[in-house]
């Protein structure tokens, strides 16, 4: 029988390591970004963590610094939308 490589060992260990049960993982809330440069992005965070009321996005490039603010709008207790603040 040929000797096993490290890759074979990693595959063997991974196949025998119990995978976490999704039901055991803490629930996560989902947050969508609407408008501006973050439009369409989705982020999750543990449900027990309080989400910030405002997210500031700073775009750095060769020109001047561009700052956008997103305000949180709760959605039925399961996350929310961060909407671009019209300034």
C-alpha atoms as a PDB file:
ATOM      1  CA  UNK A   1       0.000   0.000   0.000  1.00  0.00           C
ATOM      2  CA  UNK A   2       1.486   3.402  -0.954  1.00  0.00           C
ATOM      3  CA  UNK A   3       2.247   5.958   1.719  1.00  0.00           C
ATOM      4  CA  UNK A   4      -0.352   8.655   2.324  1.00  0.00           C
ATOM      5  CA  UNK A   5       0.466  12.250   1.545  1.00  0.00           C
ATOM      6  CA  UNK A   6      -0.377  15.211   3.766  1.00  0.00           C
ATOM      7  CA  UNK A   7      -3.281  15.977   1.404  1.00  0.00           C
ATOM      8  CA  UNK A   8      -4.637  12.463   1.919  1.00  0.00           C
ATOM      9  CA  UNK A   9      -4.336  12.907   5.677  1.00  0.00           C
ATOM     10  CA  UNK A  10      -6.160  16.264   5.579  1.00  0.00           C
ATOM     11  CA  UNK A  11      -8.963  14.697   3.508  1.00  0.00           C
ATOM     12  CA  UNK A  12      -9.198  11.740   5.904  1.00  0.00           C
ATOM     13  CA  UNK A  13      -9.354  14.002   8.978  1.00  0.00           C
ATOM     14  CA  UNK A  14     -11.916  16.306   7.332  1.00  0.00           C
ATOM     15  CA  UNK A  15     -14.116  13.342   6.406  1.00  0.00           C
ATOM     16  CA  UNK A  16     -14.127  12.119  10.020  1.00  0.00           C
ATOM     17  CA  UNK A  17     -14.466  15.460  11.769  1.00  0.00           C
ATOM     18  CA  UNK A  18     -18.064  16.087  12.765  1.00  0.00           C
ATOM     19  CA  UNK A  19     -19.501  19.108  11.045  1.00  0.00           C
ATOM     20  CA  UNK A  20     -21.355  21.606  13.196  1.00  0.00           C
ATOM     21  CA  UNK A  21     -25.110  21.281  13.128  1.00  0.00           C
ATOM     22  CA  UNK A  22     -26.616  24.467  11.626  1.00  0.00           C
ATOM     23  CA  UNK A  23     -29.320  24.287  14.307  1.00  0.00           C
ATOM     24  CA  UNK A  24     -26.587  24.681  16.960  1.00  0.00           C
ATOM     25  CA  UNK A  25     -25.257  27.913  15.461  1.00  0.00           C
ATOM     26  CA  UNK A  26     -26.571  31.161  16.935  1.00  0.00           C
ATOM     27  CA  UNK A  27     -29.138  32.929  14.743  1.00  0.00           C
ATOM     28  CA  UNK A  28     -27.866  35.686  12.469  1.00  0.00           C
ATOM     29  CA  UNK A  29     -29.567  38.856  11.294  1.00  0.00           C
ATOM     30  CA  UNK A  30     -29.259  40.052   7.701  1.00  0.00           C
ATOM     31  CA  UNK A  31     -28.648  43.657   6.662  1.00  0.00           C
ATOM     32  CA  UNK A  32     -28.985  45.019   3.119  1.00  0.00           C
ATOM     33  CA  UNK A  33     -27.385  48.207   1.808  1.00  0.00           C
ATOM     34  CA  UNK A  34     -29.588  50.375  -0.407  1.00  0.00           C
ATOM     35  CA  UNK A  35     -28.186  53.199  -2.540  1.00  0.00           C
ATOM     36  CA  UNK A  36     -24.730  54.654  -3.029  1.00  0.00           C
ATOM     37  CA  UNK A  37     -21.525  52.678  -3.535  1.00  0.00           C
ATOM     38  CA  UNK A  38     -22.596  49.837  -1.207  1.00  0.00           C
ATOM     39  CA  UNK A  39     -25.927  49.262  -2.992  1.00  0.00           C
ATOM     40  CA  UNK A  40     -26.824  45.584  -3.154  1.00  0.00           C
ATOM     41  CA  UNK A  41     -24.324  44.391  -0.553  1.00  0.00           C
ATOM     42  CA  UNK A  42     -25.577  42.086   2.170  1.00  0.00           C
ATOM     43  CA  UNK A  43     -23.990  41.580   5.580  1.00  0.00           C
ATOM     44  CA  UNK A  44     -24.904  39.302   8.472  1.00  0.00           C
ATOM     45  CA  UNK A  45     -24.119  39.524  12.165  1.00  0.00           C
ATOM     46  CA  UNK A  46     -25.085  37.468  15.224  1.00  0.00           C
ATOM     47  CA  UNK A  47     -28.627  38.297  16.311  1.00  0.00           C
ATOM     48  CA  UNK A  48     -27.521  39.013  19.875  1.00  0.00           C
ATOM     49  CA  UNK A  49     -25.200  41.835  18.725  1.00  0.00           C
ATOM     50  CA  UNK A  50     -26.822  45.226  18.419  1.00  0.00           C
ATOM     51  CA  UNK A  51     -26.376  46.705  14.950  1.00  0.00           C
ATOM     52  CA  UNK A  52     -24.988  50.239  14.680  1.00  0.00           C
ATOM     53  CA  UNK A  53     -27.594  52.892  13.839  1.00  0.00           C
ATOM     54  CA  UNK A  54     -25.298  54.521  11.254  1.00  0.00           C
ATOM     55  CA  UNK A  55     -22.611  53.049   9.004  1.00  0.00           C
ATOM     56  CA  UNK A  56     -20.037  55.398   7.511  1.00  0.00           C
ATOM     57  CA  UNK A  57     -18.367  54.356   4.240  1.00  0.00           C
ATOM     58  CA  UNK A  58     -15.205  56.245   3.297  1.00  0.00           C
ATOM     59  CA  UNK A  59     -13.959  55.959  -0.282  1.00  0.00           C
ATOM     60  CA  UNK A  60     -10.267  56.738  -0.624  1.00  0.00           C
ATOM     61  CA  UNK A  61      -8.700  57.201  -4.030  1.00  0.00           C
ATOM     62  CA  UNK A  62      -6.347  59.602  -5.807  1.00  0.00           C
ATOM     63  CA  UNK A  63      -8.783  62.494  -5.412  1.00  0.00           C
ATOM     64  CA  UNK A  64     -10.643  63.869  -2.406  1.00  0.00           C
ATOM     65  CA  UNK A  65     -12.033  61.573   0.290  1.00  0.00           C
ATOM     66  CA  UNK A  66     -15.713  60.718  -0.340  1.00  0.00           C
ATOM     67  CA  UNK A  67     -17.884  59.878   2.688  1.00  0.00           C
ATOM     68  CA  UNK A  68     -21.341  58.266   2.595  1.00  0.00           C
ATOM     69  CA  UNK A  69     -23.593  57.598   5.593  1.00  0.00           C
ATOM     70  CA  UNK A  70     -26.145  54.799   5.774  1.00  0.00           C
ATOM     71  CA  UNK A  71     -28.976  54.888   8.341  1.00  0.00           C
ATOM     72  CA  UNK A  72     -30.421  51.666   9.748  1.00  0.00           C
ATOM     73  CA  UNK A  73     -34.111  50.942   9.157  1.00  0.00           C
ATOM     74  CA  UNK A  74     -35.213  47.857  11.135  1.00  0.00           C
ATOM     75  CA  UNK A  75     -37.099  45.085   9.338  1.00  0.00           C
ATOM     76  CA  UNK A  76     -39.362  42.903  11.531  1.00  0.00           C
ATOM     77  CA  UNK A  77     -36.631  42.123  14.056  1.00  0.00           C
ATOM     78  CA  UNK A  78     -34.553  39.994  11.675  1.00  0.00           C
ATOM     79  CA  UNK A  79     -32.068  42.587  10.513  1.00  0.00           C
ATOM     80  CA  UNK A  80     -32.748  45.616   8.407  1.00  0.00           C
ATOM     81  CA  UNK A  81     -31.778  47.940   5.607  1.00  0.00           C
ATOM     82  CA  UNK A  82     -29.022  50.488   5.656  1.00  0.00           C
ATOM     83  CA  UNK A  83     -30.313  53.266   3.408  1.00  0.00           C
ATOM     84  CA  UNK A  84     -28.076  55.934   1.937  1.00  0.00           C
ATOM     85  CA  UNK A  85     -28.555  59.226   3.762  1.00  0.00           C
ATOM     86  CA  UNK A  86     -29.439  62.053   1.391  1.00  0.00           C
ATOM     87  CA  UNK A  87     -27.164  64.914   2.427  1.00  0.00           C
END
